[in-house]
Amino acid sequence: MSNSSSLNEFLLLAFADTWELQLLHFSLFLSIYLAALLSNGLIITAVACNHRLHTPMYFFLLNLSLLDLGTISTTVPKSMANSLWDTRAISYAGCAAQLFWFLFLISAEYFLLTVMAYDRFIAICKPLHYRTLMGTRACVKMAAAAWASGFLYAVLHTANTFAIPLCQGNVVGQFFCQVAQLLRLSCSDAYLREVGVIVVSLCLALGCFVFIVVSYVQIFTVVLRIPSEQGRHKAFSMCLPHLAVVSLFASTVAVAYLKPPSISSPAVDLVVAVLYSVVPPAVNPLIYSMRNKELKEALKKLIQLVPVQQL
């Protein structure tokens, strides 16, 4: 039995026991990480450098790509390093920092997706008021509010989690430091201090989800009334990528935290954690660029410009 005051490190869950499988894990994670860095980096550069993309929708997309880069960089590099060096250790301070950054970035992304739903709602349902309601200053304030809300939430959650005495060892049953896994290490009655924060978290998450659902119900109601097929197609093209990203985010997180205890096992928990922490940051850029002609053209120009500058 150990107390949190005497813990110097935690032991993360390993993906494999043999060196060959560890090397395979390192290679797969490296491929996904490089793909996420490249795709999100291209979107950030394309939006920043192309004046035609200096609109609210692409401004929020740039912020989303920044959050995706941060999210995958918080968990994947440490996991790759542990596989490469055949270790499971993460320092106490490193675990706290990893938990804080992950909570900060993942919650800020959820708040930003809610703001992006509001942007699509105004663009489709109130197009005449779009320039007034979604001006530059308003967009900056909404993005800043999403980042600040995520920061405050992460500070509260991290401080409260690490204030709980840990007396069930130091083995974290996940490949990164996670609140649910750390609470399993707490003393039997100490985790009740975290219940209040969890209730607040659920209320915030549910509130944002209801707002997104209500927004899209109104959006689709308006879109289906558009007489021309071309107009409906354009409206759907604006909304479907965001809806797909929200669905991917919500479904993976829901599976992670709402799955029945009967199907819970270290292997299942590991796969689910990868699905919601690693896959979305790598897939989101592909979703947004797949049906977006403006973004495709900007990315093509950017890719063609690189070899020209090198010559």
C-alpha atoms as a PDB file:
ATOM      1  CA  MET A   1       0.000   0.000   0.000  1.00  0.00           C
ATOM      2  CA  SER A   2       1.379   3.423  -0.910  1.00  0.00           C
ATOM      3  CA  ASN A   3       0.310   7.018  -0.384  1.00  0.00           C
ATOM      4  CA  SER A   4       0.244   9.626  -3.124  1.00  0.00           C
ATOM      5  CA  SER A   5       2.712  11.765  -1.185  1.00  0.00           C
ATOM      6  CA  SER A   6       5.352   9.042  -1.479  1.00  0.00           C
ATOM      7  CA  LEU A   7       4.738   8.163  -5.159  1.00  0.00           C
ATOM      8  CA  ASN A   8       7.516   9.127  -7.538  1.00  0.00           C
ATOM      9  CA  GLU A   9       6.151   7.468 -10.655  1.00  0.00           C
ATOM     10  CA  PHE A  10       3.283   5.541 -12.186  1.00  0.00           C
ATOM     11  CA  LEU A  11       3.368   2.438 -14.373  1.00  0.00           C
ATOM     12  CA  LEU A  12       1.367   2.689 -17.598  1.00  0.00           C
ATOM     13  CA  LEU A  13      -0.254  -0.217 -19.412  1.00  0.00           C
ATOM     14  CA  ALA A  14       2.014  -1.813 -22.009  1.00  0.00           C
ATOM     15  CA  PHE A  15       0.658  -2.703 -25.440  1.00  0.00           C
ATOM     16  CA  ALA A  16       2.719  -5.893 -25.672  1.00  0.00           C
ATOM     17  CA  ASP A  17       5.216  -8.015 -23.761  1.00  0.00           C
ATOM     18  CA  THR A  18       7.588  -9.046 -26.559  1.00  0.00           C
ATOM     19  CA  TRP A  19      10.083  -6.732 -28.259  1.00  0.00           C
ATOM     20  CA  GLU A  20       8.712  -7.523 -31.726  1.00  0.00           C
ATOM     21  CA  LEU A  21       5.158  -6.483 -30.784  1.00  0.00           C
ATOM     22  CA  GLN A  22       6.465  -3.409 -28.984  1.00  0.00           C
ATOM     23  CA  LEU A  23       8.303  -2.426 -32.144  1.00  0.00           C
ATOM     24  CA  LEU A  24       5.117  -2.979 -34.140  1.00  0.00           C
ATOM     25  CA  HIS A  25       3.213  -0.745 -31.721  1.00  0.00           C
ATOM     26  CA  PHE A  26       5.912   1.919 -32.057  1.00  0.00           C
ATOM     27  CA  SER A  27       5.753   1.767 -35.854  1.00  0.00           C
ATOM     28  CA  LEU A  28       1.935   1.972 -35.988  1.00  0.00           C
ATOM     29  CA  PHE A  29       1.762   4.877 -33.558  1.00  0.00           C
ATOM     30  CA  LEU A  30       4.598   6.653 -35.385  1.00  0.00           C
ATOM     31  CA  SER A  31       2.734   6.319 -38.696  1.00  0.00           C
ATOM     32  CA  ILE A  32      -0.508   7.645 -37.211  1.00  0.00           C
ATOM     33  CA  TYR A  33       1.318  10.467 -35.423  1.00  0.00           C
ATOM     34  CA  LEU A  34       3.190  11.596 -38.529  1.00  0.00           C
ATOM     35  CA  ALA A  35      -0.037  11.446 -40.572  1.00  0.00           C
ATOM     36  CA  ALA A  36      -1.803  13.601 -37.955  1.00  0.00           C
ATOM     37  CA  LEU A  37       1.086  16.090 -37.855  1.00  0.00           C
ATOM     38  CA  LEU A  38       1.190  16.365 -41.638  1.00  0.00           C
ATOM     39  CA  SER A  39      -2.561  16.623 -42.267  1.00  0.00           C
ATOM     40  CA  ASN A  40      -3.311  19.043 -39.442  1.00  0.00           C
ATOM     41  CA  GLY A  41      -0.189  21.056 -40.228  1.00  0.00           C
ATOM     42  CA  LEU A  42      -1.258  21.395 -43.869  1.00  0.00           C
ATOM     43  CA  ILE A  43      -4.723  22.610 -42.858  1.00  0.00           C
ATOM     44  CA  ILE A  44      -3.284  25.156 -40.413  1.00  0.00           C
ATOM     45  CA  THR A  45      -0.840  26.465 -43.033  1.00  0.00           C
ATOM     46  CA  ALA A  46      -3.440  26.515 -45.822  1.00  0.00           C
ATOM     47  CA  VAL A  47      -5.974  28.451 -43.737  1.00  0.00           C
ATOM     48  CA  ALA A  48      -3.362  30.874 -42.407  1.00  0.00           C
ATOM     49  CA  CYS A  49      -1.800  31.607 -45.811  1.00  0.00           C
ATOM     50  CA  ASN A  50      -4.884  31.687 -48.064  1.00  0.00           C
ATOM     51  CA  HIS A  51      -6.901  34.906 -47.752  1.00  0.00           C
ATOM     52  CA  ARG A  52      -9.955  33.236 -49.300  1.00  0.00           C
ATOM     53  CA  LEU A  53     -10.108  30.972 -46.252  1.00  0.00           C
ATOM     54  CA  HIS A  54     -10.114  33.830 -43.748  1.00  0.00           C
ATOM     55  CA  THR A  55     -13.740  33.189 -42.796  1.00  0.00           C
ATOM     56  CA  PRO A  56     -15.315  32.101 -39.473  1.00  0.00           C
ATOM     57  CA  MET A  57     -15.712  28.466 -40.570  1.00  0.00           C
ATOM     58  CA  TYR A  58     -12.040  28.079 -41.488  1.00  0.00           C
ATOM     59  CA  PHE A  59     -10.894  30.102 -38.479  1.00  0.00           C
ATOM     60  CA  PHE A  60     -12.612  27.565 -36.224  1.00  0.00           C
ATOM     61  CA  LEU A  61     -11.199  24.725 -38.334  1.00  0.00           C
ATOM     62  CA  LEU A  62      -7.695  26.103 -37.771  1.00  0.00           C
ATOM     63  CA  ASN A  63      -8.344  26.075 -34.015  1.00  0.00           C
ATOM     64  CA  LEU A  64      -9.664  22.516 -34.262  1.00  0.00           C
ATOM     65  CA  SER A  65      -6.489  21.383 -36.021  1.00  0.00           C
ATOM     66  CA  LEU A  66      -4.352  23.027 -33.330  1.00  0.00           C
ATOM     67  CA  LEU A  67      -6.303  21.186 -30.639  1.00  0.00           C
ATOM     68  CA  ASP A  68      -6.024  17.888 -32.529  1.00  0.00           C
ATOM     69  CA  LEU A  69      -2.252  18.323 -32.813  1.00  0.00           C
ATOM     70  CA  GLY A  70      -2.000  19.018 -29.099  1.00  0.00           C
ATOM     71  CA  THR A  71      -4.247  16.101 -28.117  1.00  0.00           C
ATOM     72  CA  ILE A  72      -2.341  13.446 -30.052  1.00  0.00           C
ATOM     73  CA  SER A  73       1.020  14.949 -28.996  1.00  0.00           C
ATOM     74  CA  THR A  74       0.054  14.606 -25.324  1.00  0.00           C
ATOM     75  CA  THR A  75      -0.364  10.827 -25.333  1.00  0.00           C
ATOM     76  CA  VAL A  76       1.275   9.188 -28.371  1.00  0.00           C
ATOM     77  CA  PRO A  77       4.953  10.296 -28.083  1.00  0.00           C
ATOM     78  CA  LYS A  78       5.236   9.074 -24.476  1.00  0.00           C
ATOM     79  CA  SER A  79       3.657   5.746 -25.408  1.00  0.00           C
ATOM     80  CA  MET A  80       6.047   5.367 -28.360  1.00  0.00           C
ATOM     81  CA  ALA A  81       9.056   6.196 -26.179  1.00  0.00           C
ATOM     82  CA  ASN A  82       8.011   3.631 -23.571  1.00  0.00           C
ATOM     83  CA  SER A  83       7.661   0.923 -26.244  1.00  0.00           C
ATOM     84  CA  LEU A  84      11.004   1.802 -27.793  1.00  0.00           C
ATOM     85  CA  TRP A  85      12.857   1.804 -24.465  1.00  0.00           C
ATOM     86  CA  ASP A  86      10.893  -1.167 -23.039  1.00  0.00           C
ATOM     87  CA  THR A  87       9.573   0.671 -19.993  1.00  0.00           C
ATOM     88  CA  ARG A  88       6.190   1.522 -18.501  1.00  0.00           C
ATOM     89  CA  ALA A  89       7.211   4.329 -16.165  1.00  0.00           C
ATOM     90  CA  ILE A  90       5.957   7.909 -16.149  1.00  0.00           C
ATOM     91  CA  SER A  91       6.923  10.343 -13.399  1.00  0.00           C
ATOM     92  CA  TYR A  92       4.357  11.711 -10.945  1.00  0.00           C
ATOM     93  CA  ALA A  93       4.765  15.224 -12.380  1.00  0.00           C
ATOM     94  CA  GLY A  94       4.689  13.836 -15.923  1.00  0.00           C
ATOM     95  CA  CYS A  95       1.431  12.009 -15.217  1.00  0.00           C
ATOM     96  CA  ALA A  96      -0.150  15.156 -13.758  1.00  0.00           C
ATOM     97  CA  ALA A  97       1.007  17.209 -16.742  1.00  0.00           C
ATOM     98  CA  GLN A  98      -0.254  14.610 -19.225  1.00  0.00           C
ATOM     99  CA  LEU A  99      -3.650  14.456 -17.522  1.00  0.00           C
ATOM    100  CA  PHE A 100      -3.936  18.260 -17.453  1.00  0.00           C
ATOM    101  CA  TRP A 101      -3.025  18.759 -21.114  1.00  0.00           C
ATOM    102  CA  PHE A 102      -5.265  15.947 -22.299  1.00  0.00           C
ATOM    103  CA  LEU A 103      -8.276  17.240 -20.337  1.00  0.00           C
ATOM    104  CA  PHE A 104      -7.557  20.800 -21.452  1.00  0.00           C
ATOM    105  CA  LEU A 105      -7.294  19.979 -25.149  1.00  0.00           C
ATOM    106  CA  ILE A 106     -10.089  17.394 -25.357  1.00  0.00           C
ATOM    107  CA  SER A 107     -12.594  19.563 -23.459  1.00  0.00           C
ATOM    108  CA  ALA A 108     -11.614  22.695 -25.415  1.00  0.00           C
ATOM    109  CA  GLU A 109     -12.187  20.715 -28.621  1.00  0.00           C
ATOM    110  CA  TYR A 110     -15.664  19.713 -27.461  1.00  0.00           C
ATOM    111  CA  PHE A 111     -16.523  23.329 -26.618  1.00  0.00           C
ATOM    112  CA  LEU A 112     -15.132  24.426 -29.981  1.00  0.00           C
ATOM    113  CA  LEU A 113     -17.264  21.859 -31.818  1.00  0.00           C
ATOM    114  CA  THR A 114     -20.268  23.372 -30.030  1.00  0.00           C
ATOM    115  CA  VAL A 115     -19.249  26.839 -31.226  1.00  0.00           C
ATOM    116  CA  MET A 116     -18.833  25.481 -34.764  1.00  0.00           C
ATOM    117  CA  ALA A 117     -22.397  24.115 -34.601  1.00  0.00           C
ATOM    118  CA  TYR A 118     -23.583  27.619 -33.715  1.00  0.00           C
ATOM    119  CA  ASP A 119     -21.612  29.004 -36.674  1.00  0.00           C
ATOM    120  CA  ARG A 120     -23.291  26.543 -39.058  1.00  0.00           C
ATOM    121  CA  PHE A 121     -26.703  27.337 -37.506  1.00  0.00           C
ATOM    122  CA  ILE A 122     -26.285  31.076 -38.138  1.00  0.00           C
ATOM    123  CA  ALA A 123     -24.938  30.494 -41.659  1.00  0.00           C
ATOM    124  CA  ILE A 124     -27.891  28.300 -42.690  1.00  0.00           C
ATOM    125  CA  CYS A 125     -30.799  29.557 -40.599  1.00  0.00           C
ATOM    126  CA  LYS A 126     -29.956  33.285 -40.332  1.00  0.00           C
ATOM    127  CA  PRO A 127     -27.776  34.084 -43.362  1.00  0.00           C
ATOM    128  CA  LEU A 128     -28.758  37.785 -43.427  1.00  0.00           C
ATOM    129  CA  HIS A 129     -27.406  38.251 -39.900  1.00  0.00           C
ATOM    130  CA  TYR A 130     -24.266  36.139 -40.419  1.00  0.00           C
ATOM    131  CA  ARG A 131     -21.803  39.004 -40.924  1.00  0.00           C
ATOM    132  CA  THR A 132     -23.184  40.813 -37.882  1.00  0.00           C
ATOM    133  CA  LEU A 133     -23.280  37.848 -35.503  1.00  0.00           C
ATOM    134  CA  MET A 134     -20.102  36.151 -36.734  1.00  0.00           C
ATOM    135  CA  GLY A 135     -17.767  39.089 -37.127  1.00  0.00           C
ATOM    136  CA  THR A 136     -14.033  38.822 -36.497  1.00  0.00           C
ATOM    137  CA  ARG A 137     -14.247  40.020 -32.912  1.00  0.00           C
ATOM    138  CA  ALA A 138     -17.142  37.675 -32.102  1.00  0.00           C
ATOM    139  CA  CYS A 139     -15.315  34.668 -33.582  1.00  0.00           C
ATOM    140  CA  VAL A 140     -12.147  35.428 -31.623  1.00  0.00           C
ATOM    141  CA  LYS A 141     -14.171  35.768 -28.408  1.00  0.00           C
ATOM    142  CA  MET A 142     -15.982  32.460 -28.983  1.00  0.00           C
ATOM    143  CA  ALA A 143     -12.747  30.592 -29.780  1.00  0.00           C
ATOM    144  CA  ALA A 144     -11.045  32.162 -26.755  1.00  0.00           C
ATOM    145  CA  ALA A 145     -14.012  31.143 -24.578  1.00  0.00           C
ATOM    146  CA  ALA A 146     -13.673  27.531 -25.765  1.00  0.00           C
ATOM    147  CA  TRP A 147      -9.940  27.467 -24.976  1.00  0.00           C
ATOM    148  CA  ALA A 148     -10.415  29.227 -21.616  1.00  0.00           C
ATOM    149  CA  SER A 149     -13.274  26.916 -20.593  1.00  0.00           C
ATOM    150  CA  GLY A 150     -11.142  23.889 -21.410  1.00  0.00           C
ATOM    151  CA  PHE A 151      -8.259  25.332 -19.387  1.00  0.00           C
ATOM    152  CA  LEU A 152     -10.383  26.032 -16.314  1.00  0.00           C
ATOM    153  CA  TYR A 153     -12.019  22.619 -16.521  1.00  0.00           C
ATOM    154  CA  ALA A 154      -8.621  20.893 -16.770  1.00  0.00           C
ATOM    155  CA  VAL A 155      -7.204  22.845 -13.818  1.00  0.00           C
ATOM    156  CA  LEU A 156     -10.210  21.939 -11.647  1.00  0.00           C
ATOM    157  CA  HIS A 157     -10.285  18.283 -12.680  1.00  0.00           C
ATOM    158  CA  THR A 158      -6.520  17.716 -12.441  1.00  0.00           C
ATOM    159  CA  ALA A 159      -6.141  19.461  -9.087  1.00  0.00           C
ATOM    160  CA  ASN A 160      -9.080  17.554  -7.632  1.00  0.00           C
ATOM    161  CA  THR A 161      -7.862  14.192  -8.974  1.00  0.00           C
ATOM    162  CA  PHE A 162      -4.334  14.538  -7.590  1.00  0.00           C
ATOM    163  CA  ALA A 163      -5.615  15.891  -4.276  1.00  0.00           C
ATOM    164  CA  ILE A 164      -7.178  12.469  -3.614  1.00  0.00           C
ATOM    165  CA  PRO A 165      -4.952  10.104  -1.571  1.00  0.00           C
ATOM    166  CA  LEU A 166      -3.751   7.162  -3.667  1.00  0.00           C
ATOM    167  CA  CYS A 167      -3.372   4.003  -1.632  1.00  0.00           C
ATOM    168  CA  GLN A 168      -3.966   1.232  -4.178  1.00  0.00           C
ATOM    169  CA  GLY A 169      -0.503   1.130  -5.748  1.00  0.00           C
ATOM    170  CA  ASN A 170       0.806   2.999  -8.799  1.00  0.00           C
ATOM    171  CA  VAL A 171      -0.232   0.829 -11.775  1.00  0.00           C
ATOM    172  CA  VAL A 172      -2.374   2.808 -14.225  1.00  0.00           C
ATOM    173  CA  GLY A 173      -4.464   0.470 -16.368  1.00  0.00           C
ATOM    174  CA  GLN A 174      -4.159   2.574 -19.517  1.00  0.00           C
ATOM    175  CA  PHE A 175      -1.445   3.721 -21.942  1.00  0.00           C
ATOM    176  CA  PHE A 176      -1.762   7.306 -20.696  1.00  0.00           C
ATOM    177  CA  CYS A 177      -2.785   8.918 -17.409  1.00  0.00           C
ATOM    178  CA  GLN A 178      -6.577   8.925 -17.275  1.00  0.00           C
ATOM    179  CA  VAL A 179      -8.921  10.169 -14.558  1.00  0.00           C
ATOM    180  CA  ALA A 180     -10.936   6.948 -14.354  1.00  0.00           C
ATOM    181  CA  GLN A 181      -7.801   4.837 -13.962  1.00  0.00           C
ATOM    182  CA  LEU A 182      -6.282   7.125 -11.340  1.00  0.00           C
ATOM    183  CA  LEU A 183      -9.501   7.037  -9.311  1.00  0.00           C
ATOM    184  CA  ARG A 184      -9.155   3.252  -9.128  1.00  0.00           C
ATOM    185  CA  LEU A 185      -5.927   3.828  -7.199  1.00  0.00           C
ATOM    186  CA  SER A 186      -7.633   6.063  -4.630  1.00  0.00           C
ATOM    187  CA  CYS A 187      -8.655   5.040  -1.137  1.00  0.00           C
ATOM    188  CA  SER A 188     -12.128   3.536  -0.915  1.00  0.00           C
ATOM    189  CA  ASP A 189     -13.842   6.653   0.441  1.00  0.00           C
ATOM    190  CA  ALA A 190     -11.627   9.358  -1.086  1.00  0.00           C
ATOM    191  CA  TYR A 191     -12.990   9.149  -4.626  1.00  0.00           C
ATOM    192  CA  LEU A 192     -16.294  10.655  -3.424  1.00  0.00           C
ATOM    193  CA  ARG A 193     -14.570  14.067  -3.525  1.00  0.00           C
ATOM    194  CA  GLU A 194     -14.412  13.692  -7.293  1.00  0.00           C
ATOM    195  CA  VAL A 195     -18.142  12.998  -7.686  1.00  0.00           C
ATOM    196  CA  GLY A 196     -19.061  16.683  -7.713  1.00  0.00           C
ATOM    197  CA  VAL A 197     -16.607  17.437 -10.531  1.00  0.00           C
ATOM    198  CA  ILE A 198     -17.856  14.423 -12.509  1.00  0.00           C
ATOM    199  CA  VAL A 199     -21.474  15.617 -12.152  1.00  0.00           C
ATOM    200  CA  VAL A 200     -20.498  19.088 -13.386  1.00  0.00           C
ATOM    201  CA  SER A 201     -18.623  17.488 -16.290  1.00  0.00           C
ATOM    202  CA  LEU A 202     -21.656  15.409 -17.286  1.00  0.00           C
ATOM    203  CA  CYS A 203     -23.923  18.460 -17.133  1.00  0.00           C
ATOM    204  CA  LEU A 204     -21.559  20.479 -19.341  1.00  0.00           C
ATOM    205  CA  ALA A 205     -21.165  17.623 -21.823  1.00  0.00           C
ATOM    206  CA  LEU A 206     -24.910  16.996 -21.963  1.00  0.00           C
ATOM    207  CA  GLY A 207     -25.653  20.702 -22.355  1.00  0.00           C
ATOM    208  CA  CYS A 208     -23.250  21.032 -25.291  1.00  0.00           C
ATOM    209  CA  PHE A 209     -24.602  17.855 -26.890  1.00  0.00           C
ATOM    210  CA  VAL A 210     -28.223  19.031 -26.627  1.00  0.00           C
ATOM    211  CA  PHE A 211     -27.245  22.402 -28.109  1.00  0.00           C
ATOM    212  CA  ILE A 212     -25.556  20.687 -31.080  1.00  0.00           C
ATOM    213  CA  VAL A 213     -28.527  18.351 -31.649  1.00  0.00           C
ATOM    214  CA  VAL A 214     -31.076  21.190 -31.473  1.00  0.00           C
ATOM    215  CA  SER A 215     -28.941  23.295 -33.827  1.00  0.00           C
ATOM    216  CA  TYR A 216     -28.795  20.537 -36.420  1.00  0.00           C
ATOM    217  CA  VAL A 217     -32.504  19.774 -36.153  1.00  0.00           C
ATOM    218  CA  GLN A 218     -33.181  23.404 -37.085  1.00  0.00           C
ATOM    219  CA  ILE A 219     -30.473  23.370 -39.764  1.00  0.00           C
ATOM    220  CA  PHE A 220     -31.873  20.290 -41.515  1.00  0.00           C
ATOM    221  CA  THR A 221     -35.399  21.679 -41.243  1.00  0.00           C
ATOM    222  CA  VAL A 222     -34.272  24.781 -43.149  1.00  0.00           C
ATOM    223  CA  VAL A 223     -32.116  22.871 -45.639  1.00  0.00           C
ATOM    224  CA  LEU A 224     -34.917  20.503 -46.632  1.00  0.00           C
ATOM    225  CA  ARG A 225     -37.067  23.535 -47.486  1.00  0.00           C
ATOM    226  CA  ILE A 226     -34.515  24.904 -49.966  1.00  0.00           C
ATOM    227  CA  PRO A 227     -36.168  24.563 -53.406  1.00  0.00           C
ATOM    228  CA  SER A 228     -33.057  24.016 -55.530  1.00  0.00           C
ATOM    229  CA  GLU A 229     -31.081  20.781 -55.370  1.00  0.00           C
ATOM    230  CA  GLN A 230     -27.830  22.700 -55.811  1.00  0.00           C
ATOM    231  CA  GLY A 231     -28.656  24.871 -52.785  1.00  0.00           C
ATOM    232  CA  ARG A 232     -29.400  21.840 -50.640  1.00  0.00           C
ATOM    233  CA  HIS A 233     -26.178  20.155 -51.770  1.00  0.00           C
ATOM    234  CA  LYS A 234     -24.134  23.253 -50.902  1.00  0.00           C
ATOM    235  CA  ALA A 235     -25.760  23.508 -47.468  1.00  0.00           C
ATOM    236  CA  PHE A 236     -25.169  19.830 -46.729  1.00  0.00           C
ATOM    237  CA  SER A 237     -21.538  20.151 -47.860  1.00  0.00           C
ATOM    238  CA  MET A 238     -21.060  22.917 -45.299  1.00  0.00           C
ATOM    239  CA  CYS A 239     -22.575  20.928 -42.431  1.00  0.00           C
ATOM    240  CA  LEU A 240     -21.813  17.244 -42.989  1.00  0.00           C
ATOM    241  CA  PRO A 241     -18.042  17.389 -42.240  1.00  0.00           C
ATOM    242  CA  HIS A 242     -18.685  19.078 -38.897  1.00  0.00           C
ATOM    243  CA  LEU A 243     -21.487  16.649 -38.106  1.00  0.00           C
ATOM    244  CA  ALA A 244     -19.217  13.712 -38.973  1.00  0.00           C
ATOM    245  CA  VAL A 245     -16.462  15.023 -36.674  1.00  0.00           C
ATOM    246  CA  VAL A 246     -18.945  15.573 -33.832  1.00  0.00           C
ATOM    247  CA  SER A 247     -20.361  12.064 -34.329  1.00  0.00           C
ATOM    248  CA  LEU A 248     -16.884  10.500 -34.287  1.00  0.00           C
ATOM    249  CA  PHE A 249     -15.927  12.462 -31.169  1.00  0.00           C
ATOM    250  CA  ALA A 250     -19.172  11.747 -29.285  1.00  0.00           C
ATOM    251  CA  SER A 251     -19.413   8.063 -30.242  1.00  0.00           C
ATOM    252  CA  THR A 252     -15.837   7.179 -29.261  1.00  0.00           C
ATOM    253  CA  VAL A 253     -16.056   9.045 -25.930  1.00  0.00           C
ATOM    254  CA  ALA A 254     -19.468   7.500 -25.215  1.00  0.00           C
ATOM    255  CA  VAL A 255     -18.129   4.003 -25.874  1.00  0.00           C
ATOM    256  CA  ALA A 256     -15.167   4.709 -23.597  1.00  0.00           C
ATOM    257  CA  TYR A 257     -17.161   5.954 -20.619  1.00  0.00           C
ATOM    258  CA  LEU A 258     -20.630   4.402 -21.014  1.00  0.00           C
ATOM    259  CA  LYS A 259     -19.777   0.823 -21.963  1.00  0.00           C
ATOM    260  CA  PRO A 260     -21.163  -1.844 -19.583  1.00  0.00           C
ATOM    261  CA  PRO A 261     -18.733  -3.105 -16.914  1.00  0.00           C
ATOM    262  CA  SER A 262     -19.447  -6.661 -18.108  1.00  0.00           C
ATOM    263  CA  ILE A 263     -17.478  -6.082 -21.334  1.00  0.00           C
ATOM    264  CA  SER A 264     -14.694  -4.145 -19.661  1.00  0.00           C
ATOM    265  CA  SER A 265     -11.220  -5.666 -19.813  1.00  0.00           C
ATOM    266  CA  PRO A 266      -7.687  -4.275 -20.169  1.00  0.00           C
ATOM    267  CA  ALA A 267      -7.617  -5.141 -23.885  1.00  0.00           C
ATOM    268  CA  VAL A 268     -11.045  -3.614 -24.598  1.00  0.00           C
ATOM    269  CA  ASP A 269     -10.241  -0.491 -22.554  1.00  0.00           C
ATOM    270  CA  LEU A 270      -6.974  -0.112 -24.433  1.00  0.00           C
ATOM    271  CA  VAL A 271      -8.628  -0.324 -27.863  1.00  0.00           C
ATOM    272  CA  VAL A 272     -11.385   2.088 -26.857  1.00  0.00           C
ATOM    273  CA  ALA A 273      -8.848   4.595 -25.484  1.00  0.00           C
ATOM    274  CA  VAL A 274      -6.986   4.507 -28.793  1.00  0.00           C
ATOM    275  CA  LEU A 275     -10.265   5.091 -30.648  1.00  0.00           C
ATOM    276  CA  TYR A 276     -11.114   8.319 -28.829  1.00  0.00           C
ATOM    277  CA  SER A 277      -7.643   9.750 -28.135  1.00  0.00           C
ATOM    278  CA  VAL A 278      -5.622   8.799 -31.237  1.00  0.00           C
ATOM    279  CA  VAL A 279      -7.982   8.165 -34.158  1.00  0.00           C
ATOM    280  CA  PRO A 280     -10.017  11.448 -34.244  1.00  0.00           C
ATOM    281  CA  PRO A 281      -7.000  13.813 -34.454  1.00  0.00           C
ATOM    282  CA  ALA A 282      -5.679  11.794 -37.405  1.00  0.00           C
ATOM    283  CA  VAL A 283      -9.044  11.402 -39.167  1.00  0.00           C
ATOM    284  CA  ASN A 284     -10.574  14.880 -38.671  1.00  0.00           C
ATOM    285  CA  PRO A 285      -8.464  16.600 -41.369  1.00  0.00           C
ATOM    286  CA  LEU A 286      -9.452  13.899 -43.866  1.00  0.00           C
ATOM    287  CA  ILE A 287     -13.142  14.382 -43.057  1.00  0.00           C
ATOM    288  CA  TYR A 288     -12.975  18.145 -43.520  1.00  0.00           C
ATOM    289  CA  SER A 289     -10.961  18.076 -46.727  1.00  0.00           C
ATOM    290  CA  MET A 290     -12.913  15.268 -48.404  1.00  0.00           C
ATOM    291  CA  ARG A 291     -15.980  17.298 -49.489  1.00  0.00           C
ATOM    292  CA  ASN A 292     -14.561  20.827 -49.277  1.00  0.00           C
ATOM    293  CA  LYS A 293     -13.532  22.213 -52.688  1.00  0.00           C
ATOM    294  CA  GLU A 294     -12.078  25.459 -51.310  1.00  0.00           C
ATOM    295  CA  LEU A 295      -9.886  23.629 -48.837  1.00  0.00           C
ATOM    296  CA  LYS A 296      -8.838  21.088 -51.474  1.00  0.00           C
ATOM    297  CA  GLU A 297      -7.753  23.867 -53.837  1.00  0.00           C
ATOM    298  CA  ALA A 298      -5.849  25.656 -51.067  1.00  0.00           C
ATOM    299  CA  LEU A 299      -4.061  22.433 -50.105  1.00  0.00           C
ATOM    300  CA  LYS A 300      -3.172  21.705 -53.748  1.00  0.00           C
ATOM    301  CA  LYS A 301      -1.686  25.192 -54.154  1.00  0.00           C
ATOM    302  CA  LEU A 302       0.248  24.787 -50.931  1.00  0.00           C
ATOM    303  CA  ILE A 303       1.644  21.379 -51.939  1.00  0.00           C
ATOM    304  CA  GLN A 304       2.566  22.665 -55.422  1.00  0.00           C
ATOM    305  CA  LEU A 305       4.238  25.715 -53.919  1.00  0.00           C
ATOM    306  CA  VAL A 306       6.682  23.720 -51.768  1.00  0.00           C
ATOM    307  CA  PRO A 307       8.667  22.095 -54.642  1.00  0.00           C
ATOM    308  CA  VAL A 308       8.789  25.441 -56.495  1.00  0.00           C
ATOM    309  CA  GLN A 309      10.327  27.176 -53.473  1.00  0.00           C
ATOM    310  CA  GLN A 310      12.823  24.344 -53.014  1.00  0.00           C
ATOM    311  CA  LEU A 311      13.993  24.739 -56.628  1.00  0.00           C
END
